[in-house]
Every structure is written in structure tokens, then in C-alpha cells.
C-alpha atoms as a PDB file:
ATOM      1  CA  UNK A   1       0.214  -0.259  -0.105  1.00  0.00           C
ATOM      2  CA  UNK A   2       0.794   3.387  -0.717  1.00  0.00           C
ATOM      3  CA  UNK A   3       0.632   4.891   2.962  1.00  0.00           C
ATOM      4  CA  UNK A   4       0.173   8.381   1.163  1.00  0.00           C
ATOM      5  CA  UNK A   5      -3.340   7.078   0.844  1.00  0.00           C
ATOM      6  CA  UNK A   6      -3.890   6.673   3.887  1.00  0.00           C
ATOM      7  CA  UNK A   7      -5.906   9.654   5.459  1.00  0.00           C
ATOM      8  CA  UNK A   8      -6.990   8.266   8.793  1.00  0.00           C
ATOM      9  CA  UNK A   9      -7.781   5.183  10.631  1.00  0.00           C
ATOM     10  CA  UNK A  10     -11.103   4.035  12.464  1.00  0.00           C
ATOM     11  CA  UNK A  11     -12.284   1.708  15.817  1.00  0.00           C
ATOM     12  CA  UNK A  12     -14.749   1.284  18.183  1.00  0.00           C
ATOM     13  CA  UNK A  13     -13.742   3.217  21.224  1.00  0.00           C
ATOM     14  CA  UNK A  14     -15.709   0.718  23.350  1.00  0.00           C
ATOM     15  CA  UNK A  15     -13.978  -2.188  22.129  1.00  0.00           C
ATOM     16  CA  UNK A  16     -10.425  -3.965  23.296  1.00  0.00           C
ATOM     17  CA  UNK A  17      -7.982  -3.775  20.447  1.00  0.00           C
ATOM     18  CA  UNK A  18      -5.440  -6.852  21.585  1.00  0.00           C
ATOM     19  CA  UNK A  19      -2.721  -4.900  19.468  1.00  0.00           C
ATOM     20  CA  UNK A  20      -1.326  -2.395  22.015  1.00  0.00           C
ATOM     21  CA  UNK A  21       0.258   0.019  18.656  1.00  0.00           C
ATOM     22  CA  UNK A  22      -2.217  -1.148  16.488  1.00  0.00           C
ATOM     23  CA  UNK A  23      -3.444   2.468  14.850  1.00  0.00           C
ATOM     24  CA  UNK A  24      -6.649   1.074  13.897  1.00  0.00           C
ATOM     25  CA  UNK A  25      -8.108  -0.069  10.750  1.00  0.00           C
ATOM     26  CA  UNK A  26      -7.168   2.563   7.628  1.00  0.00           C
ATOM     27  CA  UNK A  27      -9.257   4.819   5.640  1.00  0.00           C
ATOM     28  CA  UNK A  28      -8.659   7.257   2.537  1.00  0.00           C
ATOM     29  CA  UNK A  29      -9.372  10.078   1.925  1.00  0.00           C
ATOM     30  CA  UNK A  30     -13.037   9.698   1.405  1.00  0.00           C
ATOM     31  CA  UNK A  31     -13.404   7.359   4.409  1.00  0.00           C
ATOM     32  CA  UNK A  32     -13.683   4.416   3.244  1.00  0.00           C
ATOM     33  CA  UNK A  33     -12.225   1.669   4.306  1.00  0.00           C
ATOM     34  CA  UNK A  34      -8.937   0.148   2.603  1.00  0.00           C
ATOM     35  CA  UNK A  35      -6.924  -2.887   2.928  1.00  0.00           C
ATOM     36  CA  UNK A  36      -3.809  -3.308   4.467  1.00  0.00           C
ATOM     37  CA  UNK A  37      -2.231  -3.186   1.528  1.00  0.00           C
ATOM     38  CA  UNK A  38      -3.753  -3.924  -2.265  1.00  0.00           C
ATOM     39  CA  UNK A  39      -6.365  -0.889  -2.001  1.00  0.00           C
ATOM     40  CA  UNK A  40      -9.231  -2.098  -4.163  1.00  0.00           C
ATOM     41  CA  UNK A  41     -12.250  -0.299  -5.627  1.00  0.00           C
ATOM     42  CA  UNK A  42     -13.897  -2.432  -8.616  1.00  0.00           C
ATOM     43  CA  UNK A  43     -14.785  -1.160 -11.384  1.00  0.00           C
ATOM     44  CA  UNK A  44     -17.621  -0.947 -13.413  1.00  0.00           C
ATOM     45  CA  UNK A  45     -15.507  -1.833 -16.396  1.00  0.00           C
ATOM     46  CA  UNK A  46     -13.604  -4.331 -15.600  1.00  0.00           C
ATOM     47  CA  UNK A  47     -17.030  -6.201 -14.902  1.00  0.00           C
ATOM     48  CA  UNK A  48     -18.303  -5.978 -17.872  1.00  0.00           C
ATOM     49  CA  UNK A  49     -15.158  -6.768 -19.474  1.00  0.00           C
ATOM     50  CA  UNK A  50     -15.346  -9.858 -17.705  1.00  0.00           C
ATOM     51  CA  UNK A  51     -18.357 -10.774 -18.738  1.00  0.00           C
ATOM     52  CA  UNK A  52     -17.943 -10.019 -22.123  1.00  0.00           C
ATOM     53  CA  UNK A  53     -14.718 -12.261 -22.812  1.00  0.00           C
ATOM     54  CA  UNK A  54     -15.206 -15.904 -23.554  1.00  0.00           C
ATOM     55  CA  UNK A  55     -15.691 -18.363 -20.640  1.00  0.00           C
ATOM     56  CA  UNK A  56     -12.974 -21.306 -21.133  1.00  0.00           C
ATOM     57  CA  UNK A  57     -14.583 -23.718 -18.311  1.00  0.00           C
ATOM     58  CA  UNK A  58     -17.414 -23.385 -20.677  1.00  0.00           C
ATOM     59  CA  UNK A  59     -17.862 -26.488 -21.487  1.00  0.00           C
ATOM     60  CA  UNK A  60     -17.070 -27.868 -18.439  1.00  0.00           C
ATOM     61  CA  UNK A  61     -19.714 -26.290 -16.318  1.00  0.00           C
ATOM     62  CA  UNK A  62     -21.944 -27.940 -18.694  1.00  0.00           C
ATOM     63  CA  UNK A  63     -20.284 -31.195 -18.299  1.00  0.00           C
ATOM     64  CA  UNK A  64     -20.102 -31.215 -14.420  1.00  0.00           C
ATOM     65  CA  UNK A  65     -21.769 -33.561 -12.169  1.00  0.00           C
ATOM     66  CA  UNK A  66     -22.190 -31.222  -8.961  1.00  0.00           C
ATOM     67  CA  UNK A  67     -24.512 -33.348  -6.551  1.00  0.00           C
ATOM     68  CA  UNK A  68     -22.828 -33.170  -3.170  1.00  0.00           C
ATOM     69  CA  UNK A  69     -24.105 -35.776  -0.680  1.00  0.00           C
ATOM     70  CA  UNK A  70     -26.042 -33.303   1.636  1.00  0.00           C
ATOM     71  CA  UNK A  71     -26.957 -34.052   5.578  1.00  0.00           C
ATOM     72  CA  UNK A  72     -29.936 -33.931   7.061  1.00  0.00           C
ATOM     73  CA  UNK A  73     -29.967 -35.722  10.249  1.00  0.00           C
ATOM     74  CA  UNK A  74     -29.441 -32.461  12.788  1.00  0.00           C
ATOM     75  CA  UNK A  75     -29.536 -33.962  15.695  1.00  0.00           C
ATOM     76  CA  UNK A  76     -25.983 -32.078  16.660  1.00  0.00           C
ATOM     77  CA  UNK A  77     -28.411 -29.107  16.812  1.00  0.00           C
ATOM     78  CA  UNK A  78     -29.356 -30.341  20.705  1.00  0.00           C
ATOM     79  CA  UNK A  79     -25.886 -31.331  21.809  1.00  0.00           C
ATOM     80  CA  UNK A  80     -23.669 -30.536  23.751  1.00  0.00           C
ATOM     81  CA  UNK A  81     -19.994 -31.487  21.986  1.00  0.00           C
ATOM     82  CA  UNK A  82     -18.410 -28.816  20.452  1.00  0.00           C
ATOM     83  CA  UNK A  83     -18.823 -29.137  16.370  1.00  0.00           C
ATOM     84  CA  UNK A  84     -18.295 -27.094  13.473  1.00  0.00           C
ATOM     85  CA  UNK A  85     -21.350 -27.668  11.049  1.00  0.00           C
ATOM     86  CA  UNK A  86     -20.625 -26.609   7.254  1.00  0.00           C
ATOM     87  CA  UNK A  87     -24.640 -25.286   5.794  1.00  0.00           C
ATOM     88  CA  UNK A  88     -23.154 -24.592   2.465  1.00  0.00           C
ATOM     89  CA  UNK A  89     -21.151 -21.383   1.027  1.00  0.00           C
ATOM     90  CA  UNK A  90     -19.835 -19.310   4.403  1.00  0.00           C
ATOM     91  CA  UNK A  91     -22.557 -20.455   6.317  1.00  0.00           C
ATOM     92  CA  UNK A  92     -21.178 -22.547   9.927  1.00  0.00           C
ATOM     93  CA  UNK A  93     -22.595 -23.779  12.671  1.00  0.00           C
ATOM     94  CA  UNK A  94     -20.375 -23.791  15.375  1.00  0.00           C
ATOM     95  CA  UNK A  95     -21.074 -24.358  19.326  1.00  0.00           C
ATOM     96  CA  UNK A  96     -18.308 -24.103  21.868  1.00  0.00           C
ATOM     97  CA  UNK A  97     -18.229 -24.784  24.952  1.00  0.00           C
ATOM     98  CA  UNK A  98     -22.243 -24.252  25.230  1.00  0.00           C
ATOM     99  CA  UNK A  99     -21.963 -20.707  22.896  1.00  0.00           C
ATOM    100  CA  UNK A 100     -23.814 -21.397  20.022  1.00  0.00           C
ATOM    101  CA  UNK A 101     -23.426 -19.116  16.485  1.00  0.00           C
ATOM    102  CA  UNK A 102     -23.802 -18.927  13.013  1.00  0.00           C
ATOM    103  CA  UNK A 103     -21.839 -17.107  10.842  1.00  0.00           C
ATOM    104  CA  UNK A 104     -22.702 -15.257   7.151  1.00  0.00           C
ATOM    105  CA  UNK A 105     -26.530 -16.961   7.315  1.00  0.00           C
ATOM    106  CA  UNK A 106     -27.899 -17.575   3.935  1.00  0.00           C
ATOM    107  CA  UNK A 107     -30.882 -20.210   3.568  1.00  0.00           C
ATOM    108  CA  UNK A 108     -31.685 -19.549  -0.143  1.00  0.00           C
ATOM    109  CA  UNK A 109     -31.590 -18.041  -3.605  1.00  0.00           C
ATOM    110  CA  UNK A 110     -29.908 -14.630  -3.763  1.00  0.00           C
ATOM    111  CA  UNK A 111     -31.902 -12.338  -6.211  1.00  0.00           C
ATOM    112  CA  UNK A 112     -31.175 -13.628  -9.331  1.00  0.00           C
ATOM    113  CA  UNK A 113     -28.305 -15.960  -8.489  1.00  0.00           C
ATOM    114  CA  UNK A 114     -29.497 -19.302  -7.689  1.00  0.00           C
ATOM    115  CA  UNK A 115     -28.766 -21.951  -4.994  1.00  0.00           C
ATOM    116  CA  UNK A 116     -26.860 -24.684  -6.824  1.00  0.00           C
ATOM    117  CA  UNK A 117     -26.837 -27.111  -3.334  1.00  0.00           C
ATOM    118  CA  UNK A 118     -29.997 -27.150  -1.119  1.00  0.00           C
ATOM    119  CA  UNK A 119     -29.621 -25.817   2.404  1.00  0.00           C
ATOM    120  CA  UNK A 120     -29.391 -28.952   4.405  1.00  0.00           C
ATOM    121  CA  UNK A 121     -31.684 -28.179   7.294  1.00  0.00           C
ATOM    122  CA  UNK A 122     -34.490 -26.497   8.030  1.00  0.00           C
ATOM    123  CA  UNK A 123     -33.536 -22.955   9.054  1.00  0.00           C
ATOM    124  CA  UNK A 124     -36.080 -22.627  11.879  1.00  0.00           C
ATOM    125  CA  UNK A 125     -34.142 -25.168  13.766  1.00  0.00           C
ATOM    126  CA  UNK A 126     -31.817 -22.530  14.833  1.00  0.00           C
ATOM    127  CA  UNK A 127     -33.049 -20.688  17.803  1.00  0.00           C
ATOM    128  CA  UNK A 128     -31.537 -19.497  21.225  1.00  0.00           C
ATOM    129  CA  UNK A 129     -28.203 -18.402  19.202  1.00  0.00           C
ATOM    130  CA  UNK A 130     -25.537 -16.295  21.350  1.00  0.00           C
ATOM    131  CA  UNK A 131     -24.169 -14.566  18.304  1.00  0.00           C
ATOM    132  CA  UNK A 132     -24.207 -14.055  14.315  1.00  0.00           C
ATOM    133  CA  UNK A 133     -21.270 -13.517  13.009  1.00  0.00           C
ATOM    134  CA  UNK A 134     -21.629 -11.151   9.495  1.00  0.00           C
ATOM    135  CA  UNK A 135     -18.175 -10.998   7.922  1.00  0.00           C
ATOM    136  CA  UNK A 136     -19.467  -8.031   5.548  1.00  0.00           C
ATOM    137  CA  UNK A 137     -22.386  -6.582   3.421  1.00  0.00           C
ATOM    138  CA  UNK A 138     -22.421  -8.743  -0.015  1.00  0.00           C
ATOM    139  CA  UNK A 139     -25.449 -10.323  -0.307  1.00  0.00           C
ATOM    140  CA  UNK A 140     -23.791 -13.846  -0.510  1.00  0.00           C
ATOM    141  CA  UNK A 141     -23.195 -13.163   3.274  1.00  0.00           C
ATOM    142  CA  UNK A 142     -25.405 -10.769   4.655  1.00  0.00           C
ATOM    143  CA  UNK A 143     -28.572 -11.626   3.327  1.00  0.00           C
ATOM    144  CA  UNK A 144     -32.343  -9.702   4.152  1.00  0.00           C
ATOM    145  CA  UNK A 145     -34.538 -12.619   4.819  1.00  0.00           C
ATOM    146  CA  UNK A 146     -32.339 -15.012   6.183  1.00  0.00           C
ATOM    147  CA  UNK A 147     -31.429 -12.492   9.056  1.00  0.00           C
ATOM    148  CA  UNK A 148     -35.429 -11.502   9.403  1.00  0.00           C
ATOM    149  CA  UNK A 149     -35.989 -15.643   9.895  1.00  0.00           C
ATOM    150  CA  UNK A 150     -33.137 -15.707  12.593  1.00  0.00           C
ATOM    151  CA  UNK A 151     -34.103 -12.534  13.946  1.00  0.00           C
ATOM    152  CA  UNK A 152     -37.959 -13.740  14.842  1.00  0.00           C
ATOM    153  CA  UNK A 153     -36.956 -16.818  16.403  1.00  0.00           C
ATOM    154  CA  UNK A 154     -33.617 -15.617  18.247  1.00  0.00           C
ATOM    155  CA  UNK A 155     -34.854 -12.887  19.842  1.00  0.00           C
ATOM    156  CA  UNK A 156     -32.236 -12.595  22.499  1.00  0.00           C
ATOM    157  CA  UNK A 157     -29.403 -12.805  19.460  1.00  0.00           C
ATOM    158  CA  UNK A 158     -26.462 -10.852  19.521  1.00  0.00           C
ATOM    159  CA  UNK A 159     -24.959  -9.344  15.887  1.00  0.00           C
ATOM    160  CA  UNK A 160     -21.176  -8.706  15.429  1.00  0.00           C
ATOM    161  CA  UNK A 161     -19.706  -7.741  12.258  1.00  0.00           C
ATOM    162  CA  UNK A 162     -17.601  -4.938  11.160  1.00  0.00           C
ATOM    163  CA  UNK A 163     -17.638  -0.943  11.215  1.00  0.00           C
ATOM    164  CA  UNK A 164     -20.179   0.770   9.695  1.00  0.00           C
ATOM    165  CA  UNK A 165     -22.774  -2.164   9.386  1.00  0.00           C
ATOM    166  CA  UNK A 166     -25.055  -0.799  12.248  1.00  0.00           C
ATOM    167  CA  UNK A 167     -27.768   0.554  10.356  1.00  0.00           C
ATOM    168  CA  UNK A 168     -28.016  -1.956   7.573  1.00  0.00           C
ATOM    169  CA  UNK A 169     -28.033  -5.277  10.034  1.00  0.00           C
ATOM    170  CA  UNK A 170     -30.665  -2.825  12.276  1.00  0.00           C
ATOM    171  CA  UNK A 171     -32.917  -2.800   9.332  1.00  0.00           C
ATOM    172  CA  UNK A 172     -32.576  -6.461   8.532  1.00  0.00           C
ATOM    173  CA  UNK A 173     -33.472  -7.200  11.874  1.00  0.00           C
ATOM    174  CA  UNK A 174     -34.892  -4.750  13.526  1.00  0.00           C
ATOM    175  CA  UNK A 175     -32.495  -5.650  16.543  1.00  0.00           C
ATOM    176  CA  UNK A 176     -30.336  -3.037  18.426  1.00  0.00           C
ATOM    177  CA  UNK A 177     -27.964  -5.438  19.619  1.00  0.00           C
ATOM    178  CA  UNK A 178     -25.300  -5.018  17.159  1.00  0.00           C
ATOM    179  CA  UNK A 179     -21.763  -4.796  18.091  1.00  0.00           C
ATOM    180  CA  UNK A 180     -19.464  -3.472  15.074  1.00  0.00           C
ATOM    181  CA  UNK A 181     -15.603  -3.422  15.218  1.00  0.00           C
ATOM    182  CA  UNK A 182     -12.311  -2.380  13.789  1.00  0.00           C
ATOM    183  CA  UNK A 183      -9.836  -5.008  12.940  1.00  0.00           C
ATOM    184  CA  UNK A 184      -8.200  -6.446  15.947  1.00  0.00           C
ATOM    185  CA  UNK A 185     -11.243  -5.345  18.375  1.00  0.00           C
ATOM    186  CA  UNK A 186     -12.193  -7.916  20.669  1.00  0.00           C
ATOM    187  CA  UNK A 187     -16.538  -7.883  20.989  1.00  0.00           C
ATOM    188  CA  UNK A 188     -17.889  -7.894  23.853  1.00  0.00           C
ATOM    189  CA  UNK A 189     -18.977 -11.824  24.702  1.00  0.00           C
ATOM    190  CA  UNK A 190     -19.502 -14.204  27.379  1.00  0.00           C
ATOM    191  CA  UNK A 191     -18.005 -17.653  27.877  1.00  0.00           C
ATOM    192  CA  UNK A 192     -15.622 -17.297  24.442  1.00  0.00           C
ATOM    193  CA  UNK A 193     -13.930 -14.811  23.292  1.00  0.00           C
ATOM    194  CA  UNK A 194     -14.416 -13.216  19.193  1.00  0.00           C
ATOM    195  CA  UNK A 195     -12.225 -11.213  17.748  1.00  0.00           C
ATOM    196  CA  UNK A 196     -12.850  -8.973  14.394  1.00  0.00           C
ATOM    197  CA  UNK A 197      -9.873  -9.805  12.199  1.00  0.00           C
ATOM    198  CA  UNK A 198      -8.647  -8.366   8.417  1.00  0.00           C
ATOM    199  CA  UNK A 199      -9.139  -9.415   5.312  1.00  0.00           C
ATOM    200  CA  UNK A 200      -8.484  -8.590   1.694  1.00  0.00           C
ATOM    201  CA  UNK A 201     -11.429  -7.505   0.361  1.00  0.00           C
ATOM    202  CA  UNK A 202     -14.326  -4.643   0.060  1.00  0.00           C
ATOM    203  CA  UNK A 203     -17.771  -3.675   0.409  1.00  0.00           C
ATOM    204  CA  UNK A 204     -20.700  -2.572  -1.452  1.00  0.00           C
ATOM    205  CA  UNK A 205     -24.722  -2.764  -1.272  1.00  0.00           C
ATOM    206  CA  UNK A 206     -25.931   0.039  -3.590  1.00  0.00           C
ATOM    207  CA  UNK A 207     -24.541   2.080  -5.691  1.00  0.00           C
ATOM    208  CA  UNK A 208     -23.095   4.958  -3.892  1.00  0.00           C
ATOM    209  CA  UNK A 209     -21.451   3.113  -0.622  1.00  0.00           C
ATOM    210  CA  UNK A 210     -18.562   1.146  -1.882  1.00  0.00           C
ATOM    211  CA  UNK A 211     -15.913   0.376   1.283  1.00  0.00           C
ATOM    212  CA  UNK A 212     -18.147   2.192   3.521  1.00  0.00           C
ATOM    213  CA  UNK A 213     -18.532  -0.640   5.544  1.00  0.00           C
ATOM    214  CA  UNK A 214     -15.656  -2.907   6.728  1.00  0.00           C
ATOM    215  CA  UNK A 215     -15.146  -6.470   5.723  1.00  0.00           C
ATOM    216  CA  UNK A 216     -13.000  -9.195   7.954  1.00  0.00           C
ATOM    217  CA  UNK A 217     -12.962 -12.274   9.276  1.00  0.00           C
ATOM    218  CA  UNK A 218     -13.514 -13.667  13.184  1.00  0.00           C
ATOM    219  CA  UNK A 219     -11.382 -15.891  15.291  1.00  0.00           C
ATOM    220  CA  UNK A 220     -13.264 -17.236  17.948  1.00  0.00           C
ATOM    221  CA  UNK A 221     -11.602 -18.892  20.910  1.00  0.00           C
ATOM    222  CA  UNK A 222     -13.220 -20.903  23.544  1.00  0.00           C
ATOM    223  CA  UNK A 223     -12.984 -24.356  25.633  1.00  0.00           C
ATOM    224  CA  UNK A 224      -9.203 -24.252  24.768  1.00  0.00           C
ATOM    225  CA  UNK A 225     -10.063 -24.139  21.319  1.00  0.00           C
ATOM    226  CA  UNK A 226      -8.808 -21.426  18.615  1.00  0.00           C
ATOM    227  CA  UNK A 227     -10.866 -21.218  15.147  1.00  0.00           C
ATOM    228  CA  UNK A 228     -10.865 -18.600  12.458  1.00  0.00           C
ATOM    229  CA  UNK A 229     -12.892 -17.839  10.218  1.00  0.00           C
ATOM    230  CA  UNK A 230     -11.809 -15.869   7.182  1.00  0.00           C
ATOM    231  CA  UNK A 231     -14.817 -14.523   5.527  1.00  0.00           C
ATOM    232  CA  UNK A 232     -13.955 -13.417   1.760  1.00  0.00           C
ATOM    233  CA  UNK A 233     -10.598 -12.973   1.246  1.00  0.00           C
ATOM    234  CA  UNK A 234      -7.557 -12.423  -1.681  1.00  0.00           C
ATOM    235  CA  UNK A 235      -4.435 -13.602  -0.515  1.00  0.00           C
ATOM    236  CA  UNK A 236      -2.077 -11.568   1.744  1.00  0.00           C
ATOM    237  CA  UNK A 237       0.133 -10.834   4.004  1.00  0.00           C
ATOM    238  CA  UNK A 238      -2.302 -10.408   6.820  1.00  0.00           C
ATOM    239  CA  UNK A 239      -1.982 -14.133   6.976  1.00  0.00           C
ATOM    240  CA  UNK A 240       0.887 -14.017   8.439  1.00  0.00           C
ATOM    241  CA  UNK A 241       0.184 -11.140  10.600  1.00  0.00           C
ATOM    242  CA  UNK A 242      -2.913 -13.605  12.109  1.00  0.00           C
ATOM    243  CA  UNK A 243       0.043 -15.937  13.347  1.00  0.00           C
ATOM    244  CA  UNK A 244       2.326 -13.215  14.604  1.00  0.00           C
ATOM    245  CA  UNK A 245      -0.545 -12.167  16.756  1.00  0.00           C
ATOM    246  CA  UNK A 246      -2.338 -14.846  17.864  1.00  0.00           C
ATOM    247  CA  UNK A 247       0.171 -18.320  17.819  1.00  0.00           C
ATOM    248  CA  UNK A 248      -1.886 -20.901  15.600  1.00  0.00           C
ATOM    249  CA  UNK A 249      -5.081 -21.982  15.285  1.00  0.00           C
ATOM    250  CA  UNK A 250      -6.791 -25.544  15.735  1.00  0.00           C
ATOM    251  CA  UNK A 251      -9.355 -24.910  12.982  1.00  0.00           C
ATOM    252  CA  UNK A 252      -9.006 -22.828   9.642  1.00  0.00           C
ATOM    253  CA  UNK A 253     -11.922 -21.834   7.494  1.00  0.00           C
ATOM    254  CA  UNK A 254     -10.817 -20.253   4.807  1.00  0.00           C
ATOM    255  CA  UNK A 255     -12.580 -19.901   0.858  1.00  0.00           C
ATOM    256  CA  UNK A 256     -11.558 -21.178  -1.783  1.00  0.00           C
ATOM    257  CA  UNK A 257     -13.519 -20.554  -4.655  1.00  0.00           C
ATOM    258  CA  UNK A 258     -14.629 -17.936  -7.142  1.00  0.00           C
ATOM    259  CA  UNK A 259     -10.763 -17.519  -8.426  1.00  0.00           C
ATOM    260  CA  UNK A 260     -11.411 -17.624 -12.085  1.00  0.00           C
ATOM    261  CA  UNK A 261     -10.760 -15.483 -14.133  1.00  0.00           C
ATOM    262  CA  UNK A 262      -7.525 -14.936 -11.912  1.00  0.00           C
ATOM    263  CA  UNK A 263      -6.879 -10.643 -13.521  1.00  0.00           C
ATOM    264  CA  UNK A 264     -10.592 -10.055 -11.969  1.00  0.00           C
ATOM    265  CA  UNK A 265     -10.933 -12.549  -9.050  1.00  0.00           C
ATOM    266  CA  UNK A 266      -7.731 -12.024  -7.261  1.00  0.00           C
ATOM    267  CA  UNK A 267      -8.019  -8.618  -5.387  1.00  0.00           C
ATOM    268  CA  UNK A 268     -10.609 -10.187  -3.398  1.00  0.00           C
ATOM    269  CA  UNK A 269     -11.018 -14.705  -3.428  1.00  0.00           C
ATOM    270  CA  UNK A 270      -8.013 -16.484  -3.206  1.00  0.00           C
ATOM    271  CA  UNK A 271      -7.236 -20.011  -5.360  1.00  0.00           C
ATOM    272  CA  UNK A 272      -7.135 -23.064  -3.857  1.00  0.00           C
ATOM    273  CA  UNK A 273      -3.420 -23.333  -3.636  1.00  0.00           C
ATOM    274  CA  UNK A 274      -3.748 -20.133  -1.946  1.00  0.00           C
ATOM    275  CA  UNK A 275      -5.924 -21.188   0.394  1.00  0.00           C
ATOM    276  CA  UNK A 276      -2.986 -23.896   1.154  1.00  0.00           C
ATOM    277  CA  UNK A 277      -0.458 -21.560   1.617  1.00  0.00           C
ATOM    278  CA  UNK A 278      -3.010 -19.182   3.965  1.00  0.00           C
ATOM    279  CA  UNK A 279      -3.139 -22.587   5.713  1.00  0.00           C
ATOM    280  CA  UNK A 280       0.635 -22.339   6.019  1.00  0.00           C
ATOM    281  CA  UNK A 281       1.088 -19.058   6.820  1.00  0.00           C
ATOM    282  CA  UNK A 282      -1.830 -19.060   9.809  1.00  0.00           C
ATOM    283  CA  UNK A 283       0.195 -22.363  11.545  1.00  0.00           C
ATOM    284  CA  UNK A 284      -3.302 -24.340  11.609  1.00  0.00           C
ATOM    285  CA  UNK A 285      -3.862 -27.560  12.501  1.00  0.00           C
ATOM    286  CA  UNK A 286      -6.897 -28.424  10.314  1.00  0.00           C
ATOM    287  CA  UNK A 287      -8.193 -26.530   7.182  1.00  0.00           C
ATOM    288  CA  UNK A 288     -11.851 -26.513   6.468  1.00  0.00           C
ATOM    289  CA  UNK A 289     -12.714 -25.290   2.996  1.00  0.00           C
ATOM    290  CA  UNK A 290     -15.227 -22.469   2.683  1.00  0.00           C
ATOM    291  CA  UNK A 291     -17.122 -20.349  -0.078  1.00  0.00           C
ATOM    292  CA  UNK A 292     -17.317 -22.899  -3.020  1.00  0.00           C
ATOM    293  CA  UNK A 293     -20.229 -24.778  -4.544  1.00  0.00           C
ATOM    294  CA  UNK A 294     -23.159 -23.515  -3.504  1.00  0.00           C
ATOM    295  CA  UNK A 295     -23.535 -20.490  -5.972  1.00  0.00           C
ATOM    296  CA  UNK A 296     -22.248 -20.103  -9.165  1.00  0.00           C
ATOM    297  CA  UNK A 297     -20.297 -17.013  -8.911  1.00  0.00           C
ATOM    298  CA  UNK A 298     -17.338 -17.101 -11.154  1.00  0.00           C
ATOM    299  CA  UNK A 299     -15.660 -18.810 -14.351  1.00  0.00           C
ATOM    300  CA  UNK A 300     -14.625 -22.076 -12.626  1.00  0.00           C
ATOM    301  CA  UNK A 301     -17.433 -24.992 -12.383  1.00  0.00           C
ATOM    302  CA  UNK A 302     -18.778 -25.401  -8.767  1.00  0.00           C
ATOM    303  CA  UNK A 303     -16.680 -28.802  -8.312  1.00  0.00           C
ATOM    304  CA  UNK A 304     -13.552 -27.685  -9.182  1.00  0.00           C
ATOM    305  CA  UNK A 305     -12.105 -25.363  -6.170  1.00  0.00           C
ATOM    306  CA  UNK A 306     -12.316 -28.806  -4.069  1.00  0.00           C
ATOM    307  CA  UNK A 307     -11.088 -31.300  -6.472  1.00  0.00           C
ATOM    308  CA  UNK A 308      -8.255 -28.587  -6.946  1.00  0.00           C
ATOM    309  CA  UNK A 309      -7.838 -28.172  -3.279  1.00  0.00           C
ATOM    310  CA  UNK A 310      -7.128 -31.549  -2.880  1.00  0.00           C
ATOM    311  CA  UNK A 311      -4.775 -32.290  -5.823  1.00  0.00           C
ATOM    312  CA  UNK A 312      -2.463 -30.004  -3.932  1.00  0.00           C
ATOM    313  CA  UNK A 313      -2.990 -30.780  -0.486  1.00  0.00           C
ATOM    314  CA  UNK A 314      -0.921 -33.679  -0.559  1.00  0.00           C
ATOM    315  CA  UNK A 315      -0.700 -34.689   3.441  1.00  0.00           C
ATOM    316  CA  UNK A 316      -1.921 -31.459   4.302  1.00  0.00           C
ATOM    317  CA  UNK A 317      -4.930 -31.219   7.201  1.00  0.00           C
ATOM    318  CA  UNK A 318      -7.626 -30.731   4.759  1.00  0.00           C
ATOM    319  CA  UNK A 319     -11.265 -31.604   5.905  1.00  0.00           C
ATOM    320  CA  UNK A 320     -14.087 -31.138   3.241  1.00  0.00           C
ATOM    321  CA  UNK A 321     -17.323 -31.253   5.221  1.00  0.00           C
ATOM    322  CA  UNK A 322     -20.561 -32.442   3.119  1.00  0.00           C
ATOM    323  CA  UNK A 323     -23.417 -29.566   3.897  1.00  0.00           C
ATOM    324  CA  UNK A 324     -24.908 -30.686   6.916  1.00  0.00           C
ATOM    325  CA  UNK A 325     -22.183 -32.353   8.079  1.00  0.00           C
ATOM    326  CA  UNK A 326     -20.827 -32.048  11.507  1.00  0.00           C
ATOM    327  CA  UNK A 327     -17.543 -32.051  12.553  1.00  0.00           C
ATOM    328  CA  UNK A 328     -16.645 -32.825  16.396  1.00  0.00           C
ATOM    329  CA  UNK A 329     -14.151 -30.168  17.695  1.00  0.00           C
ATOM    330  CA  UNK A 330     -11.191 -31.943  20.037  1.00  0.00           C
END
């Protein structure tokens, strides 16, 4: 980053910052949030160039057979066991030390974008949630209808997200139990610790709000376990920085999809190979991939990210969960 682009730093003064000399999340002259490196403002011309060019995977996408086995048994919802359940895309149910949370809940289609893999369970099972973690404002991560359903069934739930998201989340949920954080700030939670962390991405909900809301990921710590939910991210230095700050991770939940074409997707989405590099940077024990196989967001076929990941993974500890499959967290 050209640090002359940075015109200030933002944080939530009511929250603890876990790095003592951290200035805050950088913003530009217009008050828009910035990545740690590689500031990114999406260009309409780039989007049009991508949509108008030919897709080298077009024939593969036509013939690809993507029907993952769906696990519909949801007995884990009533278990006291520590568990991670992938529910498709970037939605996880995580229970740690009796604390129950959901990440980026999206239960159905998004506008005209059809869900390619069904949501594995009836979302009405999610009651008595403690926290809902929202990584950023893109519609495949922050879905109005899903949040409305959850707000009706979980009136006491607390929403944790990035700076600038309060009005949007309140509009969707009618809740005032919303807490926003800058990067490396710790939320006010009970029984577990949750910290908002950097990712390399961007934010936009409408025509005139680019990067006015902060994006990121979360570190969840409890019951002697440390879980990283990476949110949407391109590969960058923040992974090594996170290892320096936290030491290591038990589980790293990292995106592997929507990476083709590289010239267009690389600023905000990492490839499977880059996710493996991030996994190594983080000094994590296990990698659980996400952000693939649910929505057709890019040029590559839906099954390609997982295939490429396993081809490159060799002996690394990669756990590919089926939608709805619980993983006991030891």
C-alpha cells in the first residue's frame, strides 16, 4: 500500500484492541475503508470485460456433475458437544463451550442467483443462538430474508460485524443488539472470545456505498480451542500477521472458490493453492474449505475448487465437509 493514501484510522473506542500499537483500520480521503495492502475499488469496466469475454471453462461447466451428498440429520443442534457444521457457502454453525453461533447465514437464493446446493436443514431449527457473525455486506454473506427469519426466532441474539454495518443490520433485524468492530478489536462476549480480523476484500451494497462498511473475518476462542473464520479474502500478508498475533489455530475456515478468471477475482478471492498457503501461514492444524459449490459466482465449475484443493493438498490436514455434516471439535 502507498501509505500516502491513508488519511486516517477507525476503531470502536468501546472495544478492546488486542495489539497495543495498532492505530486502527485504515481509511482513505473519502473515509472509505482500505485493505492492509492492495487498496481495491471495483470498476464497472472490469466487470463488463469479464462478462463479455469467453469462459475457458464453459464446456466443463455444462458437463460438470455437481451433486454433493447432503447430510440432513441435525441431531447436532441439541448436542452439548463442541462442533463445526458447514451449511454451504460461508454459513457455519459452531458450538463451543455451550455457546452457539452462525456465520454469514444465507438460506436460499440471492436475488436472481440460484442456490445450486440446497440448504441442508430447515433453518427454523436455529433458536437460542448466542451470536450471529457477519463478515461483510455482500448479499451472499448478509442476506435480508435469512436475517429476518433468525431475528424472529432468536430475539436475544447478538449480531457481531464490522464498522459501519449497524444501520443495515438494524434495518434487516430490527435489533439494537448489534456490536461493530475494527480489525483486531475484541467484541464484548461471554464465555468465549471473538475478535474481528483483517481480510483482503471490499464492500458494497448499492450504487454509492463502496467500502463504507468494513469487511473481515473472526477468530473464535473458547474451551481451549481457536477457530479462524476467514470471511471473503484474497491471499495477502494478513495471514502471517494473524499467526504473529495469535500464535496458531486449531481450525482455519478459508474460502477456496470464485477465483477464475484470476485477473478479475484475485483482488478479493483466493484460489485453492493460495488457501493452502494461507493455511500454512496461519500455523493451523486443520483447513476446512468454504465459499464454493453453492452459488455460481465465477468462471470455474462448482466442483473445481475442492478438486484443485485436494490435488494440491498432499498430506496436509484438509477436511472437506459435506453440507450439513458435523465435525466434532477436539
